[in-house]
Amino acid sequence: FKNALNDDKHPDFIIFSSPYCGACTDLKHRLNDLGWRNKVIVLNYHEKWVNLIANHIGITVVPSMIIDKDSGNTKSKIFIGVGEIARQLYEHLELKK
């Protein structure tokens, strides 16, 4: 995670997810089907360090996503829900090809 934020590849798409969330599981399948899985970072919201980060930036529900464009130097808008996350990823990963 830290390496991804510090590399020169931007933006970073960071998804907060849960293995107990049906919508999160559907989102992961959709990411795989569209070939986007290797272009996003999926974090388990229930891991303590992930939960601390999520709480610090204001994430309280899953699935949620932030788009980091500058190694965490500015606060990102939080995108909530499968539909909104998929729309944002489509705009960034498909339309900008």
PDB file of N, CA and C in Angstrom:
ATOM      1  N   PHE A   1       0.830  -1.191   0.000  1.00  0.00           N
ATOM      2  CA  PHE A   1       0.000   0.000   0.000  1.00  0.00           C
ATOM      3  C   PHE A   1       0.874   1.254   0.000  1.00  0.00           C
ATOM      4  N   LYS A   2       1.839   1.287   0.904  1.00  0.00           N
ATOM      5  CA  LYS A   2       2.729   2.441   0.996  1.00  0.00           C
ATOM      6  C   LYS A   2       3.527   2.619  -0.294  1.00  0.00           C
ATOM      7  N   ASN A   3       4.012   1.522  -0.858  1.00  0.00           N
ATOM      8  CA  ASN A   3       4.751   1.597  -2.117  1.00  0.00           C
ATOM      9  C   ASN A   3       3.882   2.138  -3.242  1.00  0.00           C
ATOM     10  N   ALA A   4       2.641   1.726  -3.287  1.00  0.00           N
ATOM     11  CA  ALA A   4       1.728   2.203  -4.331  1.00  0.00           C
ATOM     12  C   ALA A   4       1.503   3.711  -4.204  1.00  0.00           C
ATOM     13  N   LEU A   5       1.373   4.201  -2.995  1.00  0.00           N
ATOM     14  CA  LEU A   5       1.172   5.637  -2.809  1.00  0.00           C
ATOM     15  C   LEU A   5       2.409   6.443  -3.172  1.00  0.00           C
ATOM     16  N   ASN A   6       3.571   5.845  -2.969  1.00  0.00           N
ATOM     17  CA  ASN A   6       4.815   6.577  -3.196  1.00  0.00           C
ATOM     18  C   ASN A   6       5.393   6.419  -4.596  1.00  0.00           C
ATOM     19  N   ASP A   7       4.812   5.552  -5.425  1.00  0.00           N
ATOM     20  CA  ASP A   7       5.363   5.408  -6.766  1.00  0.00           C
ATOM     21  C   ASP A   7       4.922   6.578  -7.652  1.00  0.00           C
ATOM     22  N   ASP A   8       5.419   6.596  -8.863  1.00  0.00           N
ATOM     23  CA  ASP A   8       5.110   7.689  -9.786  1.00  0.00           C
ATOM     24  C   ASP A   8       3.822   7.483 -10.552  1.00  0.00           C
ATOM     25  N   LYS A   9       3.165   6.360 -10.339  1.00  0.00           N
ATOM     26  CA  LYS A   9       1.919   6.069 -11.047  1.00  0.00           C
ATOM     27  C   LYS A   9       0.750   6.689 -10.294  1.00  0.00           C
ATOM     28  N   HIS A  10       0.081   7.610 -10.938  1.00  0.00           N
ATOM     29  CA  HIS A  10      -1.073   8.259 -10.315  1.00  0.00           C
ATOM     30  C   HIS A  10      -2.178   8.350 -11.346  1.00  0.00           C
ATOM     31  N   PRO A  11      -3.400   8.337 -10.975  1.00  0.00           N
ATOM     32  CA  PRO A  11      -3.895   8.278  -9.603  1.00  0.00           C
ATOM     33  C   PRO A  11      -3.916   6.861  -9.054  1.00  0.00           C
ATOM     34  N   ASP A  12      -4.009   6.761  -7.737  1.00  0.00           N
ATOM     35  CA  ASP A  12      -4.202   5.484  -7.055  1.00  0.00           C
ATOM     36  C   ASP A  12      -5.667   5.387  -6.653  1.00  0.00           C
ATOM     37  N   PHE A  13      -6.300   4.284  -7.011  1.00  0.00           N
ATOM     38  CA  PHE A  13      -7.696   4.032  -6.667  1.00  0.00           C
ATOM     39  C   PHE A  13      -7.706   3.099  -5.466  1.00  0.00           C
ATOM     40  N   ILE A  14      -8.154   3.589  -4.319  1.00  0.00           N
ATOM     41  CA  ILE A  14      -8.095   2.835  -3.075  1.00  0.00           C
ATOM     42  C   ILE A  14      -9.520   2.533  -2.629  1.00  0.00           C
ATOM     43  N   ILE A  15      -9.846   1.250  -2.613  1.00  0.00           N
ATOM     44  CA  ILE A  15     -11.192   0.809  -2.265  1.00  0.00           C
ATOM     45  C   ILE A  15     -11.158   0.160  -0.885  1.00  0.00           C
ATOM     46  N   PHE A  16     -12.052   0.616  -0.025  1.00  0.00           N
ATOM     47  CA  PHE A  16     -12.227   0.040   1.307  1.00  0.00           C
ATOM     48  C   PHE A  16     -13.382  -0.937   1.213  1.00  0.00           C
ATOM     49  N   SER A  17     -13.112  -2.188   1.551  1.00  0.00           N
ATOM     50  CA  SER A  17     -14.041  -3.272   1.310  1.00  0.00           C
ATOM     51  C   SER A  17     -14.121  -4.177   2.538  1.00  0.00           C
ATOM     52  N   SER A  18     -15.041  -5.129   2.487  1.00  0.00           N
ATOM     53  CA  SER A  18     -15.174  -6.106   3.561  1.00  0.00           C
ATOM     54  C   SER A  18     -15.512  -7.462   2.968  1.00  0.00           C
ATOM     55  N   PRO A  19     -14.906  -8.530   3.503  1.00  0.00           N
ATOM     56  CA  PRO A  19     -15.258  -9.865   3.002  1.00  0.00           C
ATOM     57  C   PRO A  19     -16.673 -10.283   3.402  1.00  0.00           C
ATOM     58  N   TYR A  20     -17.299  -9.539   4.307  1.00  0.00           N
ATOM     59  CA  TYR A  20     -18.648  -9.859   4.776  1.00  0.00           C
ATOM     60  C   TYR A  20     -19.731  -9.055   4.051  1.00  0.00           C
ATOM     61  N   CYS A  21     -19.337  -8.257   3.085  1.00  0.00           N
ATOM     62  CA  CYS A  21     -20.238  -7.344   2.384  1.00  0.00           C
ATOM     63  C   CYS A  21     -20.541  -7.897   0.993  1.00  0.00           C
ATOM     64  N   GLY A  22     -21.811  -8.183   0.733  1.00  0.00           N
ATOM     65  CA  GLY A  22     -22.202  -8.709  -0.570  1.00  0.00           C
ATOM     66  C   GLY A  22     -21.889  -7.749  -1.704  1.00  0.00           C
ATOM     67  N   ALA A  23     -22.128  -6.454  -1.488  1.00  0.00           N
ATOM     68  CA  ALA A  23     -21.832  -5.459  -2.521  1.00  0.00           C
ATOM     69  C   ALA A  23     -20.326  -5.396  -2.801  1.00  0.00           C
ATOM     70  N   CYS A  24     -19.517  -5.551  -1.764  1.00  0.00           N
ATOM     71  CA  CYS A  24     -18.059  -5.545  -1.930  1.00  0.00           C
ATOM     72  C   CYS A  24     -17.609  -6.741  -2.762  1.00  0.00           C
ATOM     73  N   THR A  25     -18.197  -7.899  -2.494  1.00  0.00           N
ATOM     74  CA  THR A  25     -17.875  -9.105  -3.259  1.00  0.00           C
ATOM     75  C   THR A  25     -18.275  -8.927  -4.712  1.00  0.00           C
ATOM     76  N   ASP A  26     -19.453  -8.362  -4.954  1.00  0.00           N
ATOM     77  CA  ASP A  26     -19.891  -8.085  -6.333  1.00  0.00           C
ATOM     78  C   ASP A  26     -18.930  -7.120  -7.013  1.00  0.00           C
ATOM     79  N   LEU A  27     -18.484  -6.101  -6.298  1.00  0.00           N
ATOM     80  CA  LEU A  27     -17.549  -5.141  -6.863  1.00  0.00           C
ATOM     81  C   LEU A  27     -16.240  -5.815  -7.246  1.00  0.00           C
ATOM     82  N   LYS A  28     -15.725  -6.683  -6.392  1.00  0.00           N
ATOM     83  CA  LYS A  28     -14.479  -7.393  -6.706  1.00  0.00           C
ATOM     84  C   LYS A  28     -14.636  -8.250  -7.950  1.00  0.00           C
ATOM     85  N   HIS A  29     -15.781  -8.924  -8.098  1.00  0.00           N
ATOM     86  CA  HIS A  29     -16.032  -9.718  -9.308  1.00  0.00           C
ATOM     87  C   HIS A  29     -16.086  -8.823 -10.539  1.00  0.00           C
ATOM     88  N   ARG A  30     -16.726  -7.675 -10.405  1.00  0.00           N
ATOM     89  CA  ARG A  30     -16.828  -6.737 -11.526  1.00  0.00           C
ATOM     90  C   ARG A  30     -15.449  -6.218 -11.918  1.00  0.00           C
ATOM     91  N   LEU A  31     -14.614  -5.911 -10.919  1.00  0.00           N
ATOM     92  CA  LEU A  31     -13.246  -5.458 -11.192  1.00  0.00           C
ATOM     93  C   LEU A  31     -12.469  -6.518 -11.958  1.00  0.00           C
ATOM     94  N   ASN A  32     -12.606  -7.773 -11.538  1.00  0.00           N
ATOM     95  CA  ASN A  32     -11.929  -8.871 -12.232  1.00  0.00           C
ATOM     96  C   ASN A  32     -12.448  -9.029 -13.658  1.00  0.00           C
ATOM     97  N   ASP A  33     -13.772  -9.002 -13.824  1.00  0.00           N
ATOM     98  CA  ASP A  33     -14.377  -9.184 -15.143  1.00  0.00           C
ATOM     99  C   ASP A  33     -13.953  -8.100 -16.127  1.00  0.00           C
ATOM    100  N   LEU A  34     -13.785  -6.876 -15.640  1.00  0.00           N
ATOM    101  CA  LEU A  34     -13.422  -5.755 -16.507  1.00  0.00           C
ATOM    102  C   LEU A  34     -11.912  -5.605 -16.681  1.00  0.00           C
ATOM    103  N   GLY A  35     -11.135  -6.426 -15.964  1.00  0.00           N
ATOM    104  CA  GLY A  35      -9.679  -6.354 -16.073  1.00  0.00           C
ATOM    105  C   GLY A  35      -9.075  -5.180 -15.320  1.00  0.00           C
ATOM    106  N   TRP A  36      -9.781  -4.669 -14.342  1.00  0.00           N
ATOM    107  CA  TRP A  36      -9.309  -3.515 -13.577  1.00  0.00           C
ATOM    108  C   TRP A  36      -8.688  -3.891 -12.243  1.00  0.00           C
ATOM    109  N   ARG A  37      -8.720  -5.146 -11.847  1.00  0.00           N
ATOM    110  CA  ARG A  37      -8.281  -5.541 -10.505  1.00  0.00           C
ATOM    111  C   ARG A  37      -6.841  -5.131 -10.216  1.00  0.00           C
ATOM    112  N   ASN A  38      -5.986  -5.219 -11.207  1.00  0.00           N
ATOM    113  CA  ASN A  38      -4.583  -4.861 -10.978  1.00  0.00           C
ATOM    114  C   ASN A  38      -4.351  -3.348 -11.036  1.00  0.00           C
ATOM    115  N   LYS A  39      -5.410  -2.572 -11.276  1.00  0.00           N
ATOM    116  CA  LYS A  39      -5.287  -1.116 -11.348  1.00  0.00           C
ATOM    117  C   LYS A  39      -5.829  -0.420 -10.104  1.00  0.00           C
ATOM    118  N   VAL A  40      -6.314  -1.213  -9.148  1.00  0.00           N
ATOM    119  CA  VAL A  40      -6.871  -0.652  -7.917  1.00  0.00           C
ATOM    120  C   VAL A  40      -6.244  -1.333  -6.709  1.00  0.00           C
ATOM    121  N   ILE A  41      -6.348  -0.671  -5.576  1.00  0.00           N
ATOM    122  CA  ILE A  41      -5.905  -1.231  -4.306  1.00  0.00           C
ATOM    123  C   ILE A  41      -7.166  -1.508  -3.498  1.00  0.00           C
ATOM    124  N   VAL A  42      -7.382  -2.756  -3.125  1.00  0.00           N
ATOM    125  CA  VAL A  42      -8.546  -3.118  -2.323  1.00  0.00           C
ATOM    126  C   VAL A  42      -8.056  -3.456  -0.925  1.00  0.00           C
ATOM    127  N   LEU A  43      -8.565  -2.714   0.058  1.00  0.00           N
ATOM    128  CA  LEU A  43      -8.163  -2.907   1.448  1.00  0.00           C
ATOM    129  C   LEU A  43      -9.319  -3.482   2.255  1.00  0.00           C
ATOM    130  N   ASN A  44      -8.991  -4.367   3.179  1.00  0.00           N
ATOM    131  CA  ASN A  44      -9.993  -4.963   4.063  1.00  0.00           C
ATOM    132  C   ASN A  44     -10.260  -4.012   5.228  1.00  0.00           C
ATOM    133  N   TYR A  45     -11.444  -3.438   5.232  1.00  0.00           N
ATOM    134  CA  TYR A  45     -11.859  -2.468   6.243  1.00  0.00           C
ATOM    135  C   TYR A  45     -11.728  -3.015   7.663  1.00  0.00           C
ATOM    136  N   HIS A  46     -11.776  -4.332   7.833  1.00  0.00           N
ATOM    137  CA  HIS A  46     -11.728  -4.932   9.166  1.00  0.00           C
ATOM    138  C   HIS A  46     -10.317  -5.114   9.713  1.00  0.00           C
ATOM    139  N   GLU A  47      -9.302  -4.894   8.888  1.00  0.00           N
ATOM    140  CA  GLU A  47      -7.937  -4.922   9.414  1.00  0.00           C
ATOM    141  C   GLU A  47      -7.733  -3.636  10.222  1.00  0.00           C
ATOM    142  N   LYS A  48      -7.098  -3.764  11.363  1.00  0.00           N
ATOM    143  CA  LYS A  48      -6.987  -2.635  12.284  1.00  0.00           C
ATOM    144  C   LYS A  48      -6.345  -1.415  11.632  1.00  0.00           C
ATOM    145  N   TRP A  49      -5.228  -1.586  10.924  1.00  0.00           N
ATOM    146  CA  TRP A  49      -4.543  -0.443  10.322  1.00  0.00           C
ATOM    147  C   TRP A  49      -5.391   0.198   9.233  1.00  0.00           C
ATOM    148  N   VAL A  50      -6.155  -0.607   8.489  1.00  0.00           N
ATOM    149  CA  VAL A  50      -7.028  -0.073   7.444  1.00  0.00           C
ATOM    150  C   VAL A  50      -8.171   0.705   8.092  1.00  0.00           C
ATOM    151  N   ASN A  51      -8.726   0.160   9.167  1.00  0.00           N
ATOM    152  CA  ASN A  51      -9.816   0.822   9.858  1.00  0.00           C
ATOM    153  C   ASN A  51      -9.366   2.165  10.435  1.00  0.00           C
ATOM    154  N   LEU A  52      -8.150   2.232  10.936  1.00  0.00           N
ATOM    155  CA  LEU A  52      -7.626   3.501  11.450  1.00  0.00           C
ATOM    156  C   LEU A  52      -7.529   4.538  10.339  1.00  0.00           C
ATOM    157  N   ILE A  53      -7.030   4.129   9.178  1.00  0.00           N
ATOM    158  CA  ILE A  53      -6.932   5.048   8.037  1.00  0.00           C
ATOM    159  C   ILE A  53      -8.333   5.482   7.608  1.00  0.00           C
ATOM    160  N   ALA A  54      -9.237   4.516   7.492  1.00  0.00           N
ATOM    161  CA  ALA A  54     -10.604   4.816   7.063  1.00  0.00           C
ATOM    162  C   ALA A  54     -11.265   5.820   8.002  1.00  0.00           C
ATOM    163  N   ASN A  55     -11.160   5.580   9.285  1.00  0.00           N
ATOM    164  CA  ASN A  55     -11.757   6.493  10.258  1.00  0.00           C
ATOM    165  C   ASN A  55     -11.134   7.881  10.186  1.00  0.00           C
ATOM    166  N   HIS A  56      -9.833   7.927   9.970  1.00  0.00           N
ATOM    167  CA  HIS A  56      -9.133   9.213   9.889  1.00  0.00           C
ATOM    168  C   HIS A  56      -9.620  10.042   8.694  1.00  0.00           C
ATOM    169  N   ILE A  57      -9.910   9.387   7.580  1.00  0.00           N
ATOM    170  CA  ILE A  57     -10.341  10.137   6.397  1.00  0.00           C
ATOM    171  C   ILE A  57     -11.854  10.229   6.260  1.00  0.00           C
ATOM    172  N   GLY A  58     -12.585   9.615   7.185  1.00  0.00           N
ATOM    173  CA  GLY A  58     -14.032   9.771   7.209  1.00  0.00           C
ATOM    174  C   GLY A  58     -14.842   8.687   6.530  1.00  0.00           C
ATOM    175  N   ILE A  59     -14.243   7.538   6.295  1.00  0.00           N
ATOM    176  CA  ILE A  59     -14.974   6.427   5.683  1.00  0.00           C
ATOM    177  C   ILE A  59     -15.642   5.623   6.786  1.00  0.00           C
ATOM    178  N   THR A  60     -16.961   5.469   6.660  1.00  0.00           N
ATOM    179  CA  THR A  60     -17.720   4.742   7.672  1.00  0.00           C
ATOM    180  C   THR A  60     -18.528   3.591   7.081  1.00  0.00           C
ATOM    181  N   VAL A  61     -18.586   3.484   5.744  1.00  0.00           N
ATOM    182  CA  VAL A  61     -19.332   2.415   5.088  1.00  0.00           C
ATOM    183  C   VAL A  61     -18.483   1.812   3.981  1.00  0.00           C
ATOM    184  N   VAL A  62     -18.792   0.567   3.655  1.00  0.00           N
ATOM    185  CA  VAL A  62     -18.125  -0.103   2.545  1.00  0.00           C
ATOM    186  C   VAL A  62     -19.180  -0.573   1.545  1.00  0.00           C
ATOM    187  N   PRO A  63     -18.855  -0.670   0.296  1.00  0.00           N
ATOM    188  CA  PRO A  63     -17.590  -0.262  -0.297  1.00  0.00           C
ATOM    189  C   PRO A  63     -17.517   1.254  -0.464  1.00  0.00           C
ATOM    190  N   SER A  64     -16.332   1.771  -0.237  1.00  0.00           N
ATOM    191  CA  SER A  64     -16.023   3.183  -0.451  1.00  0.00           C
ATOM    192  C   SER A  64     -14.677   3.261  -1.148  1.00  0.00           C
ATOM    193  N   MET A  65     -14.477   4.351  -1.887  1.00  0.00           N
ATOM    194  CA  MET A  65     -13.227   4.511  -2.622  1.00  0.00           C
ATOM    195  C   MET A  65     -12.767   5.958  -2.548  1.00  0.00           C
ATOM    196  N   ILE A  66     -11.461   6.125  -2.472  1.00  0.00           N
ATOM    197  CA  ILE A  66     -10.851   7.433  -2.660  1.00  0.00           C
ATOM    198  C   ILE A  66      -9.910   7.329  -3.849  1.00  0.00           C
ATOM    199  N   ILE A  67      -9.666   8.456  -4.468  1.00  0.00           N
ATOM    200  CA  ILE A  67      -8.713   8.522  -5.580  1.00  0.00           C
ATOM    201  C   ILE A  67      -7.586   9.440  -5.131  1.00  0.00           C
ATOM    202  N   ASP A  68      -6.415   8.852  -4.917  1.00  0.00           N
ATOM    203  CA  ASP A  68      -5.251   9.617  -4.467  1.00  0.00           C
ATOM    204  C   ASP A  68      -4.445  10.035  -5.684  1.00  0.00           C
ATOM    205  N   LYS A  69      -4.262  11.333  -5.847  1.00  0.00           N
ATOM    206  CA  LYS A  69      -3.530  11.852  -7.005  1.00  0.00           C
ATOM    207  C   LYS A  69      -2.179  12.433  -6.650  1.00  0.00           C
ATOM    208  N   ASP A  70      -1.886  12.542  -5.346  1.00  0.00           N
ATOM    209  CA  ASP A  70      -0.645  13.208  -4.958  1.00  0.00           C
ATOM    210  C   ASP A  70      -0.018  12.621  -3.691  1.00  0.00           C
ATOM    211  N   SER A  71       0.022  11.319  -3.614  1.00  0.00           N
ATOM    212  CA  SER A  71       0.652  10.611  -2.490  1.00  0.00           C
ATOM    213  C   SER A  71       0.066  10.995  -1.134  1.00  0.00           C
ATOM    214  N   GLY A  72      -1.225  11.256  -1.098  1.00  0.00           N
ATOM    215  CA  GLY A  72      -1.899  11.533   0.156  1.00  0.00           C
ATOM    216  C   GLY A  72      -1.742  12.939   0.682  1.00  0.00           C
ATOM    217  N   ASN A  73      -1.261  13.861  -0.143  1.00  0.00           N
ATOM    218  CA  ASN A  73      -1.054  15.229   0.339  1.00  0.00           C
ATOM    219  C   ASN A  73      -2.331  16.058   0.408  1.00  0.00           C
ATOM    220  N   THR A  74      -3.346  15.701  -0.365  1.00  0.00           N
ATOM    221  CA  THR A  74      -4.620  16.406  -0.284  1.00  0.00           C
ATOM    222  C   THR A  74      -5.729  15.407  -0.016  1.00  0.00           C
ATOM    223  N   LYS A  75      -6.821  15.899   0.565  1.00  0.00           N
ATOM    224  CA  LYS A  75      -7.942  15.031   0.910  1.00  0.00           C
ATOM    225  C   LYS A  75      -8.769  14.728  -0.334  1.00  0.00           C
ATOM    226  N   SER A  76      -9.064  13.473  -0.527  1.00  0.00           N
ATOM    227  CA  SER A  76      -9.845  13.023  -1.672  1.00  0.00           C
ATOM    228  C   SER A  76     -11.320  12.967  -1.323  1.00  0.00           C
ATOM    229  N   LYS A  77     -12.142  13.178  -2.324  1.00  0.00           N
ATOM    230  CA  LYS A  77     -13.570  12.947  -2.169  1.00  0.00           C
ATOM    231  C   LYS A  77     -13.780  11.452  -1.950  1.00  0.00           C
ATOM    232  N   ILE A  78     -14.780  11.093  -1.162  1.00  0.00           N
ATOM    233  CA  ILE A  78     -15.097   9.693  -0.901  1.00  0.00           C
ATOM    234  C   ILE A  78     -16.258   9.279  -1.796  1.00  0.00           C
ATOM    235  N   PHE A  79     -16.061   8.217  -2.551  1.00  0.00           N
ATOM    236  CA  PHE A  79     -17.094   7.674  -3.431  1.00  0.00           C
ATOM    237  C   PHE A  79     -17.659   6.431  -2.757  1.00  0.00           C
ATOM    238  N   ILE A  80     -18.988   6.373  -2.628  1.00  0.00           N
ATOM    239  CA  ILE A  80     -19.642   5.311  -1.865  1.00  0.00           C
ATOM    240  C   ILE A  80     -20.556   4.496  -2.767  1.00  0.00           C
ATOM    241  N   GLY A  81     -20.469   3.171  -2.630  1.00  0.00           N
ATOM    242  CA  GLY A  81     -21.366   2.275  -3.338  1.00  0.00           C
ATOM    243  C   GLY A  81     -20.781   1.755  -4.640  1.00  0.00           C
ATOM    244  N   VAL A  82     -21.232   0.581  -5.016  1.00  0.00           N
ATOM    245  CA  VAL A  82     -20.720  -0.092  -6.214  1.00  0.00           C
ATOM    246  C   VAL A  82     -20.922   0.761  -7.457  1.00  0.00           C
ATOM    247  N   GLY A  83     -22.116   1.315  -7.619  1.00  0.00           N
ATOM    248  CA  GLY A  83     -22.415   2.094  -8.818  1.00  0.00           C
ATOM    249  C   GLY A  83     -21.522   3.305  -8.970  1.00  0.00           C
ATOM    250  N   GLU A  84     -21.358   4.072  -7.904  1.00  0.00           N
ATOM    251  CA  GLU A  84     -20.527   5.272  -7.961  1.00  0.00           C
ATOM    252  C   GLU A  84     -19.057   4.926  -8.155  1.00  0.00           C
ATOM    253  N   ILE A  85     -18.586   3.879  -7.480  1.00  0.00           N
ATOM    254  CA  ILE A  85     -17.196   3.455  -7.646  1.00  0.00           C
ATOM    255  C   ILE A  85     -16.958   2.992  -9.077  1.00  0.00           C
ATOM    256  N   ALA A  86     -17.857   2.180  -9.613  1.00  0.00           N
ATOM    257  CA  ALA A  86     -17.711   1.692 -10.993  1.00  0.00           C
ATOM    258  C   ALA A  86     -17.729   2.849 -11.977  1.00  0.00           C
ATOM    259  N   ARG A  87     -18.598   3.835 -11.751  1.00  0.00           N
ATOM    260  CA  ARG A  87     -18.664   4.993 -12.650  1.00  0.00           C
ATOM    261  C   ARG A  87     -17.352   5.771 -12.641  1.00  0.00           C
ATOM    262  N   GLN A  88     -16.791   6.000 -11.465  1.00  0.00           N
ATOM    263  CA  GLN A  88     -15.526   6.720 -11.356  1.00  0.00           C
ATOM    264  C   GLN A  88     -14.386   5.951 -12.032  1.00  0.00           C
ATOM    265  N   LEU A  89     -14.342   4.648 -11.790  1.00  0.00           N
ATOM    266  CA  LEU A  89     -13.287   3.830 -12.409  1.00  0.00           C
ATOM    267  C   LEU A  89     -13.437   3.834 -13.926  1.00  0.00           C
ATOM    268  N   TYR A  90     -14.660   3.728 -14.418  1.00  0.00           N
ATOM    269  CA  TYR A  90     -14.893   3.749 -15.863  1.00  0.00           C
ATOM    270  C   TYR A  90     -14.396   5.067 -16.458  1.00  0.00           C
ATOM    271  N   GLU A  91     -14.723   6.183 -15.810  1.00  0.00           N
ATOM    272  CA  GLU A  91     -14.284   7.487 -16.306  1.00  0.00           C
ATOM    273  C   GLU A  91     -12.769   7.599 -16.344  1.00  0.00           C
ATOM    274  N   HIS A  92     -12.091   7.047 -15.350  1.00  0.00           N
ATOM    275  CA  HIS A  92     -10.640   7.161 -15.281  1.00  0.00           C
ATOM    276  C   HIS A  92      -9.901   6.094 -16.084  1.00  0.00           C
ATOM    277  N   LEU A  93     -10.420   4.878 -16.095  1.00  0.00           N
ATOM    278  CA  LEU A  93      -9.673   3.776 -16.697  1.00  0.00           C
ATOM    279  C   LEU A  93     -10.078   3.473 -18.134  1.00  0.00           C
ATOM    280  N   GLU A  94     -11.316   3.748 -18.502  1.00  0.00           N
ATOM    281  CA  GLU A  94     -11.775   3.430 -19.859  1.00  0.00           C
ATOM    282  C   GLU A  94     -11.842   4.657 -20.755  1.00  0.00           C
ATOM    283  N   LEU A  95     -12.423   5.712 -20.266  1.00  0.00           N
ATOM    284  CA  LEU A  95     -12.612   6.899 -21.109  1.00  0.00           C
ATOM    285  C   LEU A  95     -11.321   7.632 -21.396  1.00  0.00           C
ATOM    286  N   LYS A  96     -10.327   7.462 -20.550  1.00  0.00           N
ATOM    287  CA  LYS A  96      -9.050   8.183 -20.733  1.00  0.00           C
ATOM    288  C   LYS A  96      -7.996   7.326 -21.421  1.00  0.00           C
ATOM    289  N   LYS A  97      -8.421   6.210 -22.012  1.00  0.00           N
ATOM    290  CA  LYS A  97      -7.462   5.337 -22.717  1.00  0.00           C
ATOM    291  C   LYS A  97      -6.979   6.016 -23.974  1.00  0.00           C
TER     292      LYS A  97
END
